[in-house]
C-alpha cells in the first residue's frame, strides 16, 4: 500500500480531530432515502 505524503496526512479532511468526528454523521445504506439526499444535493449544486 502506498504511503500518504506528510502534507496529506496533516490535512484536517484526511485526519480530522476527535472534536470534528464527534460532530459528524454516518449514513449506512440509506436505501430508498438515498434519492432524497441526491435530489437535495443536486438542488444545492444548481444554486
N, C-alpha and C. Protein backbone atom coordinates (compact mmCIF):
# COMPACT_ATOMS: atom_id res chain seq x y z
N UNK A 1 0.84 -1.17 0.00
CA UNK A 1 0.00 0.00 0.00
C UNK A 1 0.89 1.25 0.00
N UNK A 2 0.55 2.22 -0.81
CA UNK A 2 1.31 3.45 -0.92
C UNK A 2 1.09 4.33 0.32
N UNK A 3 2.19 4.87 0.85
CA UNK A 3 2.08 5.76 1.99
C UNK A 3 1.64 7.14 1.52
N UNK A 4 0.85 7.81 2.35
CA UNK A 4 0.41 9.16 2.03
C UNK A 4 1.50 10.15 2.40
N UNK A 5 1.56 11.24 1.66
CA UNK A 5 2.56 12.25 1.93
C UNK A 5 2.25 12.96 3.25
N UNK A 6 3.26 13.52 3.91
CA UNK A 6 3.03 14.25 5.16
C UNK A 6 2.06 15.42 4.99
N UNK A 7 2.06 16.05 3.80
CA UNK A 7 1.15 17.16 3.56
C UNK A 7 -0.31 16.69 3.61
N UNK A 8 -0.57 15.52 3.05
CA UNK A 8 -1.93 14.98 3.03
C UNK A 8 -2.32 14.52 4.42
N UNK A 9 -1.43 13.82 5.09
CA UNK A 9 -1.73 13.31 6.43
C UNK A 9 -2.03 14.45 7.40
N UNK A 10 -1.41 15.60 7.19
CA UNK A 10 -1.63 16.74 8.07
C UNK A 10 -2.91 17.50 7.81
N UNK A 11 -3.62 17.18 6.73
CA UNK A 11 -4.86 17.88 6.39
C UNK A 11 -6.00 17.45 7.31
N UNK A 12 -6.80 18.42 7.75
CA UNK A 12 -7.93 18.10 8.63
C UNK A 12 -8.93 17.17 7.94
N UNK A 13 -9.12 17.31 6.64
CA UNK A 13 -10.07 16.46 5.93
C UNK A 13 -9.59 15.00 5.90
N UNK A 14 -8.31 14.79 5.91
CA UNK A 14 -7.74 13.44 5.87
C UNK A 14 -7.67 12.84 7.27
N UNK A 15 -7.37 13.67 8.24
CA UNK A 15 -7.16 13.20 9.61
C UNK A 15 -7.87 14.16 10.57
N UNK A 16 -9.20 14.12 10.64
CA UNK A 16 -9.95 15.08 11.46
C UNK A 16 -9.72 14.87 12.96
N UNK A 17 -9.86 15.95 13.70
CA UNK A 17 -9.72 15.86 15.16
C UNK A 17 -10.91 15.11 15.74
N UNK A 18 -10.76 14.68 16.99
CA UNK A 18 -11.85 13.97 17.67
C UNK A 18 -13.08 14.87 17.78
N UNK A 19 -12.86 16.18 17.96
CA UNK A 19 -13.98 17.13 18.05
C UNK A 19 -14.78 17.15 16.76
N UNK A 20 -14.10 17.15 15.63
CA UNK A 20 -14.79 17.15 14.33
C UNK A 20 -15.53 15.83 14.13
N UNK A 21 -14.88 14.73 14.43
CA UNK A 21 -15.51 13.42 14.26
C UNK A 21 -16.77 13.31 15.12
N UNK A 22 -16.73 13.86 16.31
CA UNK A 22 -17.90 13.81 17.20
C UNK A 22 -19.10 14.55 16.63
N UNK A 23 -18.86 15.55 15.76
CA UNK A 23 -19.96 16.30 15.15
C UNK A 23 -20.45 15.69 13.84
N UNK A 24 -19.79 14.63 13.38
CA UNK A 24 -20.14 14.02 12.09
C UNK A 24 -21.30 13.04 12.22
N UNK A 25 -21.93 12.81 11.09
CA UNK A 25 -22.98 11.80 11.00
C UNK A 25 -22.55 10.78 9.96
N UNK A 26 -22.84 9.52 10.22
CA UNK A 26 -22.51 8.46 9.28
C UNK A 26 -23.80 7.87 8.75
N UNK A 27 -23.88 7.76 7.44
CA UNK A 27 -25.06 7.18 6.81
C UNK A 27 -24.67 5.84 6.23
N UNK A 28 -25.34 4.81 6.65
CA UNK A 28 -25.06 3.46 6.16
C UNK A 28 -26.30 2.96 5.45
N UNK A 29 -26.14 2.60 4.19
CA UNK A 29 -27.22 2.05 3.37
C UNK A 29 -28.53 2.82 3.55
N UNK A 30 -28.61 3.94 2.90
CA UNK A 30 -29.80 4.78 3.00
C UNK A 30 -31.01 4.20 2.29
N UNK A 31 -30.78 3.18 1.49
CA UNK A 31 -31.89 2.55 0.77
C UNK A 31 -32.58 3.54 -0.14
N UNK A 32 -33.89 3.54 -0.12
CA UNK A 32 -34.68 4.42 -0.98
C UNK A 32 -34.52 5.89 -0.60
N UNK A 33 -34.09 6.17 0.63
CA UNK A 33 -33.90 7.55 1.08
C UNK A 33 -32.74 8.22 0.35
N UNK A 34 -31.88 7.43 -0.24
CA UNK A 34 -30.74 7.99 -0.98
C UNK A 34 -31.21 8.94 -2.07
N UNK A 35 -32.32 8.65 -2.69
CA UNK A 35 -32.86 9.51 -3.74
C UNK A 35 -33.19 10.90 -3.20
N UNK A 36 -33.66 10.98 -1.96
CA UNK A 36 -33.97 12.27 -1.35
C UNK A 36 -32.69 13.09 -1.17
N UNK A 37 -31.64 12.45 -0.68
CA UNK A 37 -30.36 13.14 -0.50
C UNK A 37 -29.78 13.56 -1.84
N UNK A 38 -29.86 12.69 -2.83
CA UNK A 38 -29.34 13.04 -4.16
C UNK A 38 -30.07 14.24 -4.75
N UNK A 39 -31.39 14.27 -4.61
CA UNK A 39 -32.17 15.39 -5.13
C UNK A 39 -31.80 16.69 -4.42
N UNK A 40 -31.68 16.63 -3.10
CA UNK A 40 -31.31 17.82 -2.33
C UNK A 40 -29.91 18.30 -2.73
N UNK A 41 -28.97 17.38 -2.92
CA UNK A 41 -27.61 17.76 -3.30
C UNK A 41 -27.61 18.40 -4.68
N UNK A 42 -28.37 17.87 -5.61
CA UNK A 42 -28.43 18.44 -6.95
C UNK A 42 -29.01 19.87 -6.91
N UNK A 43 -29.99 20.09 -6.04
CA UNK A 43 -30.56 21.43 -5.88
C UNK A 43 -29.54 22.39 -5.30
N UNK A 44 -28.76 21.93 -4.34
CA UNK A 44 -27.71 22.76 -3.74
C UNK A 44 -26.67 23.11 -4.80
N UNK A 45 -26.24 22.14 -5.58
CA UNK A 45 -25.23 22.38 -6.61
C UNK A 45 -25.73 23.33 -7.69
N UNK A 46 -27.03 23.29 -7.98
CA UNK A 46 -27.60 24.13 -9.03
C UNK A 46 -27.67 25.59 -8.60
N UNK A 47 -27.66 25.85 -7.32
CA UNK A 47 -27.77 27.23 -6.83
C UNK A 47 -26.43 27.67 -6.42
